[in-house]
PDB file of N, CA and C in Angstrom:
ATOM      1  N   UNK A   1     -13.120  22.849  11.757  1.00  0.00           N
ATOM      2  CA  UNK A   1     -13.356  23.778  10.640  1.00  0.00           C
ATOM      3  C   UNK A   1     -13.371  23.089   9.286  1.00  0.00           C
ATOM      4  N   UNK A   2     -13.808  23.816   8.315  1.00  0.00           N
ATOM      5  CA  UNK A   2     -13.995  23.267   6.969  1.00  0.00           C
ATOM      6  C   UNK A   2     -12.684  23.278   6.179  1.00  0.00           C
ATOM      7  N   UNK A   3     -11.974  24.376   6.270  1.00  0.00           N
ATOM      8  CA  UNK A   3     -10.714  24.480   5.511  1.00  0.00           C
ATOM      9  C   UNK A   3      -9.737  23.399   5.962  1.00  0.00           C
ATOM     10  N   UNK A   4      -9.729  23.109   7.258  1.00  0.00           N
ATOM     11  CA  UNK A   4      -8.795  22.100   7.779  1.00  0.00           C
ATOM     12  C   UNK A   4      -9.048  20.746   7.102  1.00  0.00           C
ATOM     13  N   UNK A   5     -10.303  20.399   6.976  1.00  0.00           N
ATOM     14  CA  UNK A   5     -10.631  19.102   6.362  1.00  0.00           C
ATOM     15  C   UNK A   5     -10.225  19.104   4.892  1.00  0.00           C
ATOM     16  N   UNK A   6     -10.505  20.198   4.214  1.00  0.00           N
ATOM     17  CA  UNK A   6     -10.172  20.274   2.787  1.00  0.00           C
ATOM     18  C   UNK A   6      -8.649  20.189   2.623  1.00  0.00           C
ATOM     19  N   UNK A   7      -7.932  20.836   3.509  1.00  0.00           N
ATOM     20  CA  UNK A   7      -6.468  20.817   3.431  1.00  0.00           C
ATOM     21  C   UNK A   7      -5.942  19.403   3.650  1.00  0.00           C
ATOM     22  N   UNK A   8      -6.541  18.705   4.607  1.00  0.00           N
ATOM     23  CA  UNK A   8      -6.113  17.326   4.903  1.00  0.00           C
ATOM     24  C   UNK A   8      -6.371  16.442   3.685  1.00  0.00           C
ATOM     25  N   UNK A   9      -7.530  16.577   3.098  1.00  0.00           N
ATOM     26  CA  UNK A   9      -7.871  15.753   1.927  1.00  0.00           C
ATOM     27  C   UNK A   9      -6.925  16.095   0.774  1.00  0.00           C
ATOM     28  N   UNK A  10      -6.595  17.373   0.635  1.00  0.00           N
ATOM     29  CA  UNK A  10      -5.692  17.786  -0.443  1.00  0.00           C
ATOM     30  C   UNK A  10      -4.295  17.187  -0.239  1.00  0.00           C
ATOM     31  N   UNK A  11      -3.833  17.236   0.977  1.00  0.00           N
ATOM     32  CA  UNK A  11      -2.502  16.696   1.267  1.00  0.00           C
ATOM     33  C   UNK A  11      -2.505  15.175   1.046  1.00  0.00           C
ATOM     34  N   UNK A  12      -3.572  14.527   1.494  1.00  0.00           N
ATOM     35  CA  UNK A  12      -3.639  13.068   1.346  1.00  0.00           C
ATOM     36  C   UNK A  12      -3.668  12.704  -0.143  1.00  0.00           C
ATOM     37  N   UNK A  13      -4.448  13.424  -0.902  1.00  0.00           N
ATOM     38  CA  UNK A  13      -4.562  13.125  -2.333  1.00  0.00           C
ATOM     39  C   UNK A  13      -3.213  13.390  -3.013  1.00  0.00           C
ATOM     40  N   UNK A  14      -2.565  14.469  -2.626  1.00  0.00           N
ATOM     41  CA  UNK A  14      -1.285  14.823  -3.240  1.00  0.00           C
ATOM     42  C   UNK A  14      -0.245  13.751  -2.881  1.00  0.00           C
ATOM     43  N   UNK A  15      -0.316  13.250  -1.654  1.00  0.00           N
ATOM     44  CA  UNK A  15       0.657  12.250  -1.219  1.00  0.00           C
ATOM     45  C   UNK A  15       0.403  10.938  -1.964  1.00  0.00           C
ATOM     46  N   UNK A  16      -0.859  10.683  -2.271  1.00  0.00           N
ATOM     47  CA  UNK A  16      -1.214   9.427  -2.944  1.00  0.00           C
ATOM     48  C   UNK A  16      -0.681   9.444  -4.380  1.00  0.00           C
ATOM     49  N   UNK A  17      -0.806  10.600  -5.029  1.00  0.00           N
ATOM     50  CA  UNK A  17      -0.349  10.686  -6.434  1.00  0.00           C
ATOM     51  C   UNK A  17       0.773  11.715  -6.539  1.00  0.00           C
ATOM     52  N   UNK A  18       1.889  11.348  -7.060  1.00  0.00           N
ATOM     53  CA  UNK A  18       3.035  12.268  -7.163  1.00  0.00           C
ATOM     54  C   UNK A  18       2.783  13.416  -8.148  1.00  0.00           C
TER      55      UNK A  18
END
């Protein structure tokens, strides 16, 4: 699904930058 990918990218980006 599309939302799953967006959520993963959001979490990864958030984890990368505090």
